[in-house]
C-alpha cells in the first residue's frame, strides 16, 4: 500500500475522524457511537467511509452484531490512542507551566502498595502542591502494565515489578525490596511472644486474598517455603480496610507487605516475630519508553525515590539502586 501523506492523509484525516473511529471501535456499533458522539448515524458512517477511502484499506469489518476493527483498523487505532495521549500530555504540561502548583496525574497501583507507599507519596506532594489531583487506579501488576499502561489510561504504574520483563516499549525502575510479614492485632497474644513458627498459626482465623490471584499465589509460596500447606482462609478479600478491621479488632491474622505496616497508617496492627524464608519483592515504577511524561509525573517519581530510601534501609536489603534503565 503506497500512501501519499499530503494528498491522502494530511489533508483528509482530522483528529475528529480518529475520535469517531475510536468511538466506533469502543462501542462496536455505528449506532451506539453516534449516540455517544451526539451525531447522526449517517455522519458516523460517512466519516468511516471517507477514512477508508483516504488510507485505501478497510478499517472495519461489518458483522451481523456490529463492527470490529480489521488488522489495518487496529494499527490505526493504536497510533490514534498515542496521538490523543500526546495531546493530553501536552495540554497538561501547558497547564503546569501556567500554574506549577496544579495538575493531574493518573497512577496505577496494586491495593497494598496504594494503601502504603503511594499514599505516603501523594500525602507528601499534596502538602506541597495542594491543587494537584492524583487519580489512582487499583489492579494487579500485569493488568496495570499490559492493559492500563499500554492503553495509556495511566501514566505510570507503581507495583511489584517481579516477573515484569522490560521489552521494547516498557521501562522499569526498582525502588526497594518489599518483604512479606505475618500481621496480627496489637492486642493479640501472638504479639507478645518472641518465639513463633508459622505452623503455630495454621489454626488461627485468616483473612487472605483469593488463592488463585497473584497475591494469593505469592502467599502460597510463603507457606510452601516453610513446608506448610496454606490454611483455608475464613475470609477471602482484597480489601485493605477489611484486613485492617478483622486483624486489628477481631483476632484475625494475615500476610501483608512490610511497607504497608511501615507507611500505611494502619490501625493497631503489628508484625509477628516469625522468621520467614527471604522472599524479597522488588517494588518500583513502570512506564512506557519514549512517552513524554508530564511535569507532575516527574515530581511524583522524584518523591517516590526519596520515600523509598528509608524503606530499603529498614528492610536491610541493598535494593535501592538496583534498577532497570533510569527513568529520570
C-alpha atoms as a PDB file:
ATOM      1  CA  UNK A   1       0.000   0.000   0.000  1.00  0.00           C
ATOM      2  CA  UNK A   2       1.522   3.286  -1.103  1.00  0.00           C
ATOM      3  CA  UNK A   3       0.076   6.359   0.591  1.00  0.00           C
ATOM      4  CA  UNK A   4       0.780   9.953  -0.359  1.00  0.00           C
ATOM      5  CA  UNK A   5       0.796  11.665   3.032  1.00  0.00           C
ATOM      6  CA  UNK A   6      -0.044  15.208   1.932  1.00  0.00           C
ATOM      7  CA  UNK A   7      -2.762  14.358  -0.586  1.00  0.00           C
ATOM      8  CA  UNK A   8      -4.381  11.318   1.017  1.00  0.00           C
ATOM      9  CA  UNK A   9      -3.759  11.658   4.736  1.00  0.00           C
ATOM     10  CA  UNK A  10      -2.576  15.106   5.805  1.00  0.00           C
ATOM     11  CA  UNK A  11      -5.462  16.988   4.203  1.00  0.00           C
ATOM     12  CA  UNK A  12      -8.210  14.409   4.636  1.00  0.00           C
ATOM     13  CA  UNK A  13      -7.964  12.800   8.086  1.00  0.00           C
ATOM     14  CA  UNK A  14      -8.628  15.050  11.043  1.00  0.00           C
ATOM     15  CA  UNK A  15      -8.436  14.401  14.773  1.00  0.00           C
ATOM     16  CA  UNK A  16     -12.234  14.346  14.819  1.00  0.00           C
ATOM     17  CA  UNK A  17     -12.164  11.453  12.332  1.00  0.00           C
ATOM     18  CA  UNK A  18      -9.797   9.462  14.550  1.00  0.00           C
ATOM     19  CA  UNK A  19     -12.061  10.171  17.516  1.00  0.00           C
ATOM     20  CA  UNK A  20     -15.043   8.801  15.581  1.00  0.00           C
ATOM     21  CA  UNK A  21     -13.118   5.648  14.645  1.00  0.00           C
ATOM     22  CA  UNK A  22     -12.020   5.118  18.245  1.00  0.00           C
ATOM     23  CA  UNK A  23     -15.603   5.533  19.481  1.00  0.00           C
ATOM     24  CA  UNK A  24     -16.966   3.070  16.916  1.00  0.00           C
ATOM     25  CA  UNK A  25     -14.310   0.520  17.872  1.00  0.00           C
ATOM     26  CA  UNK A  26     -15.051   1.015  21.589  1.00  0.00           C
ATOM     27  CA  UNK A  27     -18.845   0.693  21.242  1.00  0.00           C
ATOM     28  CA  UNK A  28     -18.788  -1.949  18.485  1.00  0.00           C
ATOM     29  CA  UNK A  29     -21.626  -0.224  16.642  1.00  0.00           C
ATOM     30  CA  UNK A  30     -22.132   2.747  14.341  1.00  0.00           C
ATOM     31  CA  UNK A  31     -25.448   3.485  16.054  1.00  0.00           C
ATOM     32  CA  UNK A  32     -24.070   3.399  19.596  1.00  0.00           C
ATOM     33  CA  UNK A  33     -21.105   5.519  18.512  1.00  0.00           C
ATOM     34  CA  UNK A  34     -23.497   8.080  17.021  1.00  0.00           C
ATOM     35  CA  UNK A  35     -25.407   8.302  20.305  1.00  0.00           C
ATOM     36  CA  UNK A  36     -22.193   8.738  22.320  1.00  0.00           C
ATOM     37  CA  UNK A  37     -20.887  11.385  19.906  1.00  0.00           C
ATOM     38  CA  UNK A  38     -24.294  13.137  19.705  1.00  0.00           C
ATOM     39  CA  UNK A  39     -24.363  12.990  15.894  1.00  0.00           C
ATOM     40  CA  UNK A  40     -26.458  11.069  13.378  1.00  0.00           C
ATOM     41  CA  UNK A  41     -25.510   7.564  12.288  1.00  0.00           C
ATOM     42  CA  UNK A  42     -25.062   8.634   8.629  1.00  0.00           C
ATOM     43  CA  UNK A  43     -22.420  11.147   9.801  1.00  0.00           C
ATOM     44  CA  UNK A  44     -20.512   8.353  11.543  1.00  0.00           C
ATOM     45  CA  UNK A  45     -20.824   6.017   8.544  1.00  0.00           C
ATOM     46  CA  UNK A  46     -19.629   8.701   6.119  1.00  0.00           C
ATOM     47  CA  UNK A  47     -16.666   9.581   8.348  1.00  0.00           C
ATOM     48  CA  UNK A  48     -15.528   5.958   8.438  1.00  0.00           C
ATOM     49  CA  UNK A  49     -16.091   5.568   4.690  1.00  0.00           C
ATOM     50  CA  UNK A  50     -14.066   8.705   3.945  1.00  0.00           C
ATOM     51  CA  UNK A  51     -11.222   7.469   6.179  1.00  0.00           C
ATOM     52  CA  UNK A  52     -11.162   4.093   4.437  1.00  0.00           C
ATOM     53  CA  UNK A  53     -11.044   5.861   1.076  1.00  0.00           C
ATOM     54  CA  UNK A  54      -8.231   8.110   2.303  1.00  0.00           C
ATOM     55  CA  UNK A  55      -5.978   5.286   3.520  1.00  0.00           C
ATOM     56  CA  UNK A  56      -7.019   2.842   0.792  1.00  0.00           C
ATOM     57  CA  UNK A  57      -7.872  -0.081   3.097  1.00  0.00           C
ATOM     58  CA  UNK A  58     -10.889  -1.321   5.033  1.00  0.00           C
ATOM     59  CA  UNK A  59     -10.728  -0.255   8.659  1.00  0.00           C
ATOM     60  CA  UNK A  60     -13.831  -2.017   9.975  1.00  0.00           C
ATOM     61  CA  UNK A  61     -15.476  -5.347   9.284  1.00  0.00           C
ATOM     62  CA  UNK A  62     -19.256  -5.259   9.342  1.00  0.00           C
ATOM     63  CA  UNK A  63     -20.813  -8.223  11.160  1.00  0.00           C
ATOM     64  CA  UNK A  64     -24.435  -9.174  11.990  1.00  0.00           C
ATOM     65  CA  UNK A  65     -23.930  -7.876  15.550  1.00  0.00           C
ATOM     66  CA  UNK A  66     -21.985  -4.725  14.775  1.00  0.00           C
ATOM     67  CA  UNK A  67     -18.492  -3.803  13.610  1.00  0.00           C
ATOM     68  CA  UNK A  68     -14.958  -4.676  14.635  1.00  0.00           C
ATOM     69  CA  UNK A  69     -11.588  -3.283  13.544  1.00  0.00           C
ATOM     70  CA  UNK A  70      -9.624  -5.016  10.799  1.00  0.00           C
ATOM     71  CA  UNK A  71      -5.892  -5.526  11.152  1.00  0.00           C
ATOM     72  CA  UNK A  72      -5.489  -2.124   9.451  1.00  0.00           C
ATOM     73  CA  UNK A  73      -8.055  -0.575  11.775  1.00  0.00           C
ATOM     74  CA  UNK A  74      -6.255  -1.912  14.845  1.00  0.00           C
ATOM     75  CA  UNK A  75      -2.963  -0.443  13.603  1.00  0.00           C
ATOM     76  CA  UNK A  76      -4.541   2.972  13.063  1.00  0.00           C
ATOM     77  CA  UNK A  77      -6.302   2.811  16.433  1.00  0.00           C
ATOM     78  CA  UNK A  78      -3.030   2.006  18.215  1.00  0.00           C
ATOM     79  CA  UNK A  79      -1.407   5.140  16.874  1.00  0.00           C
ATOM     80  CA  UNK A  80      -4.593   7.138  17.276  1.00  0.00           C
ATOM     81  CA  UNK A  81      -4.560   6.378  21.002  1.00  0.00           C
ATOM     82  CA  UNK A  82      -0.948   7.558  21.130  1.00  0.00           C
ATOM     83  CA  UNK A  83      -1.822  10.774  19.263  1.00  0.00           C
ATOM     84  CA  UNK A  84      -4.613  11.696  21.665  1.00  0.00           C
ATOM     85  CA  UNK A  85      -2.478  10.757  24.658  1.00  0.00           C
ATOM     86  CA  UNK A  86       0.353  13.001  23.434  1.00  0.00           C
ATOM     87  CA  UNK A  87      -2.134  15.844  23.040  1.00  0.00           C
ATOM     88  CA  UNK A  88      -3.433  15.295  26.576  1.00  0.00           C
ATOM     89  CA  UNK A  89       0.129  15.276  27.888  1.00  0.00           C
ATOM     90  CA  UNK A  90       0.887  18.490  26.001  1.00  0.00           C
ATOM     91  CA  UNK A  91      -2.174  20.221  27.466  1.00  0.00           C
ATOM     92  CA  UNK A  92      -1.228  19.048  30.968  1.00  0.00           C
ATOM     93  CA  UNK A  93       2.285  20.420  30.535  1.00  0.00           C
ATOM     94  CA  UNK A  94       0.910  23.772  29.367  1.00  0.00           C
ATOM     95  CA  UNK A  95      -1.369  23.866  32.402  1.00  0.00           C
ATOM     96  CA  UNK A  96       1.544  23.051  34.703  1.00  0.00           C
ATOM     97  CA  UNK A  97       3.766  25.694  33.117  1.00  0.00           C
ATOM     98  CA  UNK A  98       0.963  28.206  33.584  1.00  0.00           C
ATOM     99  CA  UNK A  99       0.435  27.108  37.211  1.00  0.00           C
ATOM    100  CA  UNK A 100       3.237  24.885  38.626  1.00  0.00           C
ATOM    101  CA  UNK A 101       1.191  24.160  41.734  1.00  0.00           C
ATOM    102  CA  UNK A 102      -1.622  22.429  39.821  1.00  0.00           C
ATOM    103  CA  UNK A 103      -2.030  19.455  37.532  1.00  0.00           C
ATOM    104  CA  UNK A 104      -3.302  15.889  37.341  1.00  0.00           C
ATOM    105  CA  UNK A 105      -1.557  12.510  37.409  1.00  0.00           C
ATOM    106  CA  UNK A 106      -3.090   9.135  36.578  1.00  0.00           C
ATOM    107  CA  UNK A 107      -1.376   6.362  38.534  1.00  0.00           C
ATOM    108  CA  UNK A 108      -1.919   2.616  38.620  1.00  0.00           C
ATOM    109  CA  UNK A 109      -1.051   0.552  41.678  1.00  0.00           C
ATOM    110  CA  UNK A 110      -1.845  -2.665  43.490  1.00  0.00           C
ATOM    111  CA  UNK A 111      -4.100  -2.139  46.524  1.00  0.00           C
ATOM    112  CA  UNK A 112      -1.497  -2.821  49.251  1.00  0.00           C
ATOM    113  CA  UNK A 113       1.063  -0.549  47.601  1.00  0.00           C
ATOM    114  CA  UNK A 114      -1.596   2.122  47.062  1.00  0.00           C
ATOM    115  CA  UNK A 115      -2.553   1.968  50.743  1.00  0.00           C
ATOM    116  CA  UNK A 116       1.059   2.315  51.889  1.00  0.00           C
ATOM    117  CA  UNK A 117       3.732   3.556  49.514  1.00  0.00           C
ATOM    118  CA  UNK A 118       1.538   5.525  47.087  1.00  0.00           C
ATOM    119  CA  UNK A 119      -0.478   7.047  49.944  1.00  0.00           C
ATOM    120  CA  UNK A 120       2.731   8.301  51.562  1.00  0.00           C
ATOM    121  CA  UNK A 121       3.916   9.890  48.314  1.00  0.00           C
ATOM    122  CA  UNK A 122       0.611  11.556  47.450  1.00  0.00           C
ATOM    123  CA  UNK A 123       0.217  12.875  51.008  1.00  0.00           C
ATOM    124  CA  UNK A 124       3.692  14.388  50.878  1.00  0.00           C
ATOM    125  CA  UNK A 125       3.109  16.000  47.481  1.00  0.00           C
ATOM    126  CA  UNK A 126      -0.394  17.175  48.398  1.00  0.00           C
ATOM    127  CA  UNK A 127       1.002  19.176  51.289  1.00  0.00           C
ATOM    128  CA  UNK A 128       3.419  20.890  48.940  1.00  0.00           C
ATOM    129  CA  UNK A 129       1.111  21.137  45.894  1.00  0.00           C
ATOM    130  CA  UNK A 130      -2.472  21.163  47.229  1.00  0.00           C
ATOM    131  CA  UNK A 131      -4.069  21.666  43.788  1.00  0.00           C
ATOM    132  CA  UNK A 132      -2.555  18.577  42.150  1.00  0.00           C
ATOM    133  CA  UNK A 133      -5.117  15.812  41.578  1.00  0.00           C
ATOM    134  CA  UNK A 134      -3.989  12.178  41.810  1.00  0.00           C
ATOM    135  CA  UNK A 135      -6.198   9.645  40.050  1.00  0.00           C
ATOM    136  CA  UNK A 136      -5.214   6.185  41.348  1.00  0.00           C
ATOM    137  CA  UNK A 137      -6.369   3.017  39.548  1.00  0.00           C
ATOM    138  CA  UNK A 138      -6.065  -0.206  41.605  1.00  0.00           C
ATOM    139  CA  UNK A 139      -5.377  -3.523  39.879  1.00  0.00           C
ATOM    140  CA  UNK A 140      -2.898  -6.403  39.710  1.00  0.00           C
ATOM    141  CA  UNK A 141       0.508  -5.659  38.239  1.00  0.00           C
ATOM    142  CA  UNK A 142       0.033  -7.474  34.942  1.00  0.00           C
ATOM    143  CA  UNK A 143      -3.260  -5.695  34.200  1.00  0.00           C
ATOM    144  CA  UNK A 144      -1.669  -2.382  35.136  1.00  0.00           C
ATOM    145  CA  UNK A 145       1.220  -2.909  32.725  1.00  0.00           C
ATOM    146  CA  UNK A 146      -0.350  -4.871  29.881  1.00  0.00           C
ATOM    147  CA  UNK A 147      -3.653  -3.004  29.760  1.00  0.00           C
ATOM    148  CA  UNK A 148      -3.762   0.276  31.685  1.00  0.00           C
ATOM    149  CA  UNK A 149      -0.224   1.422  30.901  1.00  0.00           C
ATOM    150  CA  UNK A 150      -0.111   0.279  27.297  1.00  0.00           C
ATOM    151  CA  UNK A 151      -3.610   1.657  26.647  1.00  0.00           C
ATOM    152  CA  UNK A 152      -2.320   4.907  28.179  1.00  0.00           C
ATOM    153  CA  UNK A 153      -5.124   5.193  30.714  1.00  0.00           C
ATOM    154  CA  UNK A 154      -2.421   5.676  33.357  1.00  0.00           C
ATOM    155  CA  UNK A 155       0.892   7.491  33.110  1.00  0.00           C
ATOM    156  CA  UNK A 156       2.881   5.210  35.378  1.00  0.00           C
ATOM    157  CA  UNK A 157       2.405   2.035  37.410  1.00  0.00           C
ATOM    158  CA  UNK A 158       3.662   1.672  40.983  1.00  0.00           C
ATOM    159  CA  UNK A 159       3.805  -2.034  41.677  1.00  0.00           C
ATOM    160  CA  UNK A 160       5.865  -5.090  42.345  1.00  0.00           C
ATOM    161  CA  UNK A 161       7.978  -5.463  39.236  1.00  0.00           C
ATOM    162  CA  UNK A 162       8.765  -9.132  39.863  1.00  0.00           C
ATOM    163  CA  UNK A 163       8.033 -11.066  36.696  1.00  0.00           C
ATOM    164  CA  UNK A 164       7.837  -7.931  34.549  1.00  0.00           C
ATOM    165  CA  UNK A 165      10.399  -8.158  31.796  1.00  0.00           C
ATOM    166  CA  UNK A 166      11.449  -4.858  30.251  1.00  0.00           C
ATOM    167  CA  UNK A 167      10.945  -5.017  26.499  1.00  0.00           C
ATOM    168  CA  UNK A 168      10.817  -2.700  23.511  1.00  0.00           C
ATOM    169  CA  UNK A 169       8.200  -0.382  24.999  1.00  0.00           C
ATOM    170  CA  UNK A 170       8.489  -0.924  28.768  1.00  0.00           C
ATOM    171  CA  UNK A 171      10.899   0.563  31.273  1.00  0.00           C
ATOM    172  CA  UNK A 172      11.071  -0.300  34.980  1.00  0.00           C
ATOM    173  CA  UNK A 173      12.916   1.068  37.998  1.00  0.00           C
ATOM    174  CA  UNK A 174      13.258  -0.870  41.255  1.00  0.00           C
ATOM    175  CA  UNK A 175      12.986   1.433  44.280  1.00  0.00           C
ATOM    176  CA  UNK A 176      13.093  -1.039  47.174  1.00  0.00           C
ATOM    177  CA  UNK A 177      12.561  -4.675  48.023  1.00  0.00           C
ATOM    178  CA  UNK A 178       9.385  -5.296  49.970  1.00  0.00           C
ATOM    179  CA  UNK A 179       9.043  -8.264  52.308  1.00  0.00           C
ATOM    180  CA  UNK A 180       6.018 -10.308  53.420  1.00  0.00           C
ATOM    181  CA  UNK A 181       5.230 -10.208  57.144  1.00  0.00           C
ATOM    182  CA  UNK A 182       2.682 -12.028  59.283  1.00  0.00           C
ATOM    183  CA  UNK A 183       0.409  -9.462  60.918  1.00  0.00           C
ATOM    184  CA  UNK A 184      -1.891  -9.608  63.930  1.00  0.00           C
ATOM    185  CA  UNK A 185      -3.739  -7.091  66.085  1.00  0.00           C
ATOM    186  CA  UNK A 186      -1.731  -5.119  68.621  1.00  0.00           C
ATOM    187  CA  UNK A 187      -3.616  -6.833  71.468  1.00  0.00           C
ATOM    188  CA  UNK A 188      -3.158 -10.337  70.073  1.00  0.00           C
ATOM    189  CA  UNK A 189      -1.491 -12.893  72.338  1.00  0.00           C
ATOM    190  CA  UNK A 190       0.887 -13.649  69.474  1.00  0.00           C
ATOM    191  CA  UNK A 191       2.365 -10.137  69.507  1.00  0.00           C
ATOM    192  CA  UNK A 192       3.865 -10.670  72.962  1.00  0.00           C
ATOM    193  CA  UNK A 193       5.567 -13.932  72.014  1.00  0.00           C
ATOM    194  CA  UNK A 194       9.097 -13.901  70.688  1.00  0.00           C
ATOM    195  CA  UNK A 195       9.365 -17.477  69.525  1.00  0.00           C
ATOM    196  CA  UNK A 196       6.707 -18.264  66.963  1.00  0.00           C
ATOM    197  CA  UNK A 197       6.699 -20.548  63.969  1.00  0.00           C
ATOM    198  CA  UNK A 198       4.305 -20.107  61.075  1.00  0.00           C
ATOM    199  CA  UNK A 199       2.976 -23.599  61.853  1.00  0.00           C
ATOM    200  CA  UNK A 200       1.674 -22.266  65.200  1.00  0.00           C
ATOM    201  CA  UNK A 201      -0.803 -20.049  63.352  1.00  0.00           C
ATOM    202  CA  UNK A 202      -2.302 -22.535  60.912  1.00  0.00           C
ATOM    203  CA  UNK A 203      -5.467 -22.971  63.015  1.00  0.00           C
ATOM    204  CA  UNK A 204      -5.951 -19.227  63.556  1.00  0.00           C
ATOM    205  CA  UNK A 205      -8.650 -17.334  61.614  1.00  0.00           C
ATOM    206  CA  UNK A 206      -7.008 -15.988  58.464  1.00  0.00           C
ATOM    207  CA  UNK A 207      -8.055 -13.284  56.044  1.00  0.00           C
ATOM    208  CA  UNK A 208      -6.270 -13.676  52.701  1.00  0.00           C
ATOM    209  CA  UNK A 209      -6.666 -12.633  49.056  1.00  0.00           C
ATOM    210  CA  UNK A 210      -8.206 -15.158  46.633  1.00  0.00           C
ATOM    211  CA  UNK A 211      -5.869 -18.164  46.317  1.00  0.00           C
ATOM    212  CA  UNK A 212      -5.870 -18.026  42.503  1.00  0.00           C
ATOM    213  CA  UNK A 213      -4.857 -14.352  42.407  1.00  0.00           C
ATOM    214  CA  UNK A 214      -1.267 -13.136  42.067  1.00  0.00           C
ATOM    215  CA  UNK A 215      -1.046 -12.090  45.757  1.00  0.00           C
ATOM    216  CA  UNK A 216      -2.705 -15.375  46.725  1.00  0.00           C
ATOM    217  CA  UNK A 217      -0.129 -17.388  44.789  1.00  0.00           C
ATOM    218  CA  UNK A 218       2.697 -15.410  46.389  1.00  0.00           C
ATOM    219  CA  UNK A 219       1.288 -16.158  49.840  1.00  0.00           C
ATOM    220  CA  UNK A 220       1.030 -19.839  48.968  1.00  0.00           C
ATOM    221  CA  UNK A 221       4.752 -19.733  48.134  1.00  0.00           C
ATOM    222  CA  UNK A 222       5.467 -18.414  51.646  1.00  0.00           C
ATOM    223  CA  UNK A 223       3.706 -21.380  53.263  1.00  0.00           C
ATOM    224  CA  UNK A 224       5.270 -23.811  50.809  1.00  0.00           C
ATOM    225  CA  UNK A 225       8.753 -22.459  51.604  1.00  0.00           C
ATOM    226  CA  UNK A 226       8.011 -23.193  55.275  1.00  0.00           C
ATOM    227  CA  UNK A 227       6.934 -26.737  54.418  1.00  0.00           C
ATOM    228  CA  UNK A 228       3.272 -25.988  55.134  1.00  0.00           C
ATOM    229  CA  UNK A 229       0.009 -26.174  53.287  1.00  0.00           C
ATOM    230  CA  UNK A 230      -1.720 -22.821  53.082  1.00  0.00           C
ATOM    231  CA  UNK A 231      -4.590 -22.688  55.607  1.00  0.00           C
ATOM    232  CA  UNK A 232      -8.143 -22.207  54.423  1.00  0.00           C
ATOM    233  CA  UNK A 233      -8.983 -18.548  54.879  1.00  0.00           C
ATOM    234  CA  UNK A 234     -12.071 -17.745  56.919  1.00  0.00           C
ATOM    235  CA  UNK A 235     -12.431 -14.524  54.928  1.00  0.00           C
ATOM    236  CA  UNK A 236     -11.246 -14.079  51.338  1.00  0.00           C
ATOM    237  CA  UNK A 237     -10.863 -10.495  50.147  1.00  0.00           C
ATOM    238  CA  UNK A 238      -8.545  -7.962  48.532  1.00  0.00           C
ATOM    239  CA  UNK A 239      -9.982  -5.176  50.700  1.00  0.00           C
ATOM    240  CA  UNK A 240      -7.290  -3.498  52.786  1.00  0.00           C
ATOM    241  CA  UNK A 241      -9.851  -1.805  55.095  1.00  0.00           C
ATOM    242  CA  UNK A 242     -11.413  -5.220  55.765  1.00  0.00           C
ATOM    243  CA  UNK A 243      -7.977  -6.654  56.559  1.00  0.00           C
ATOM    244  CA  UNK A 244      -7.342  -3.753  58.924  1.00  0.00           C
ATOM    245  CA  UNK A 245     -10.638  -4.246  60.743  1.00  0.00           C
ATOM    246  CA  UNK A 246     -10.548  -8.024  61.119  1.00  0.00           C
ATOM    247  CA  UNK A 247      -6.854  -8.158  62.043  1.00  0.00           C
ATOM    248  CA  UNK A 248      -6.880  -5.089  64.258  1.00  0.00           C
ATOM    249  CA  UNK A 249     -10.137  -5.765  66.106  1.00  0.00           C
ATOM    250  CA  UNK A 250     -11.384  -9.304  65.557  1.00  0.00           C
ATOM    251  CA  UNK A 251      -8.368 -11.541  66.201  1.00  0.00           C
ATOM    252  CA  UNK A 252      -7.616 -12.483  62.592  1.00  0.00           C
ATOM    253  CA  UNK A 253      -4.118 -12.893  61.162  1.00  0.00           C
ATOM    254  CA  UNK A 254      -2.878 -12.258  57.648  1.00  0.00           C
ATOM    255  CA  UNK A 255       0.189 -11.712  55.458  1.00  0.00           C
ATOM    256  CA  UNK A 256       0.865  -8.161  54.317  1.00  0.00           C
ATOM    257  CA  UNK A 257       3.733  -6.307  52.625  1.00  0.00           C
ATOM    258  CA  UNK A 258       6.087  -4.890  55.237  1.00  0.00           C
ATOM    259  CA  UNK A 259       5.923  -1.456  53.597  1.00  0.00           C
ATOM    260  CA  UNK A 260       2.186  -1.287  54.286  1.00  0.00           C
ATOM    261  CA  UNK A 261       2.778  -1.513  58.017  1.00  0.00           C
ATOM    262  CA  UNK A 262       5.667   0.952  57.770  1.00  0.00           C
ATOM    263  CA  UNK A 263       3.829   3.596  55.765  1.00  0.00           C
ATOM    264  CA  UNK A 264       0.132   2.822  55.611  1.00  0.00           C
ATOM    265  CA  UNK A 265      -1.200   4.481  58.789  1.00  0.00           C
ATOM    266  CA  UNK A 266      -2.682   1.122  59.702  1.00  0.00           C
ATOM    267  CA  UNK A 267      -4.830   0.690  62.832  1.00  0.00           C
ATOM    268  CA  UNK A 268      -3.208  -1.170  65.751  1.00  0.00           C
ATOM    269  CA  UNK A 269      -1.588  -3.960  63.723  1.00  0.00           C
ATOM    270  CA  UNK A 270       1.817  -5.456  64.395  1.00  0.00           C
ATOM    271  CA  UNK A 271       4.126  -7.785  62.528  1.00  0.00           C
ATOM    272  CA  UNK A 272       4.829 -11.002  64.404  1.00  0.00           C
ATOM    273  CA  UNK A 273       8.267 -12.315  65.324  1.00  0.00           C
ATOM    274  CA  UNK A 274       8.196 -15.051  62.707  1.00  0.00           C
ATOM    275  CA  UNK A 275      11.254 -15.582  60.588  1.00  0.00           C
ATOM    276  CA  UNK A 276      10.115 -16.275  57.041  1.00  0.00           C
ATOM    277  CA  UNK A 277      12.296 -17.539  54.188  1.00  0.00           C
ATOM    278  CA  UNK A 278      13.709 -14.491  52.373  1.00  0.00           C
ATOM    279  CA  UNK A 279      11.334 -13.642  49.532  1.00  0.00           C
ATOM    280  CA  UNK A 280      12.038 -10.021  48.644  1.00  0.00           C
ATOM    281  CA  UNK A 281       9.609  -8.487  46.185  1.00  0.00           C
ATOM    282  CA  UNK A 282      11.199  -5.770  44.051  1.00  0.00           C
ATOM    283  CA  UNK A 283       8.847  -2.799  44.056  1.00  0.00           C
ATOM    284  CA  UNK A 284       9.086   0.208  41.823  1.00  0.00           C
ATOM    285  CA  UNK A 285       7.752   2.130  38.848  1.00  0.00           C
ATOM    286  CA  UNK A 286       6.933   1.050  35.292  1.00  0.00           C
ATOM    287  CA  UNK A 287       6.457   3.473  32.400  1.00  0.00           C
ATOM    288  CA  UNK A 288       6.296   3.307  28.625  1.00  0.00           C
ATOM    289  CA  UNK A 289       9.507   4.101  26.790  1.00  0.00           C
ATOM    290  CA  UNK A 290       9.514   7.123  24.506  1.00  0.00           C
ATOM    291  CA  UNK A 291       6.370   8.512  26.139  1.00  0.00           C
ATOM    292  CA  UNK A 292       6.784  12.098  27.252  1.00  0.00           C
ATOM    293  CA  UNK A 293       5.907  12.302  30.929  1.00  0.00           C
ATOM    294  CA  UNK A 294       4.176  15.304  32.436  1.00  0.00           C
ATOM    295  CA  UNK A 295       5.968  17.502  34.977  1.00  0.00           C
ATOM    296  CA  UNK A 296       3.660  16.132  37.695  1.00  0.00           C
ATOM    297  CA  UNK A 297       4.810  12.590  36.854  1.00  0.00           C
ATOM    298  CA  UNK A 298       8.428  13.654  37.301  1.00  0.00           C
ATOM    299  CA  UNK A 299       7.558  15.243  40.650  1.00  0.00           C
ATOM    300  CA  UNK A 300       5.892  12.002  41.722  1.00  0.00           C
ATOM    301  CA  UNK A 301       8.847   9.826  40.707  1.00  0.00           C
ATOM    302  CA  UNK A 302      11.359  12.062  42.463  1.00  0.00           C
ATOM    303  CA  UNK A 303       9.252  11.904  45.626  1.00  0.00           C
ATOM    304  CA  UNK A 304       8.913   8.116  45.233  1.00  0.00           C
ATOM    305  CA  UNK A 305      12.690   7.734  45.164  1.00  0.00           C
ATOM    306  CA  UNK A 306      13.052   9.769  48.346  1.00  0.00           C
ATOM    307  CA  UNK A 307      10.259   7.864  50.095  1.00  0.00           C
ATOM    308  CA  UNK A 308      11.812   4.530  49.098  1.00  0.00           C
ATOM    309  CA  UNK A 309      15.275   5.194  50.554  1.00  0.00           C
ATOM    310  CA  UNK A 310      14.410   4.557  54.228  1.00  0.00           C
ATOM    311  CA  UNK A 311      12.316   1.517  53.255  1.00  0.00           C
ATOM    312  CA  UNK A 312      15.321  -0.098  51.629  1.00  0.00           C
ATOM    313  CA  UNK A 313      17.470   0.726  54.660  1.00  0.00           C
ATOM    314  CA  UNK A 314      14.937  -0.533  57.228  1.00  0.00           C
ATOM    315  CA  UNK A 315      14.398  -3.775  55.368  1.00  0.00           C
ATOM    316  CA  UNK A 316      18.181  -4.257  55.421  1.00  0.00           C
ATOM    317  CA  UNK A 317      18.264  -5.101  51.736  1.00  0.00           C
ATOM    318  CA  UNK A 318      20.596  -3.459  49.209  1.00  0.00           C
ATOM    319  CA  UNK A 319      17.655  -2.803  46.927  1.00  0.00           C
ATOM    320  CA  UNK A 320      17.964   0.912  46.367  1.00  0.00           C
ATOM    321  CA  UNK A 321      19.859   1.483  43.177  1.00  0.00           C
ATOM    322  CA  UNK A 322      19.033  -1.959  41.752  1.00  0.00           C
ATOM    323  CA  UNK A 323      17.078  -0.772  38.800  1.00  0.00           C
ATOM    324  CA  UNK A 324      16.457  -1.054  35.122  1.00  0.00           C
ATOM    325  CA  UNK A 325      17.244   1.879  32.863  1.00  0.00           C
ATOM    326  CA  UNK A 326      16.925   5.165  34.748  1.00  0.00           C
ATOM    327  CA  UNK A 327      13.540   6.823  34.388  1.00  0.00           C
ATOM    328  CA  UNK A 328      14.937  10.279  35.026  1.00  0.00           C
END
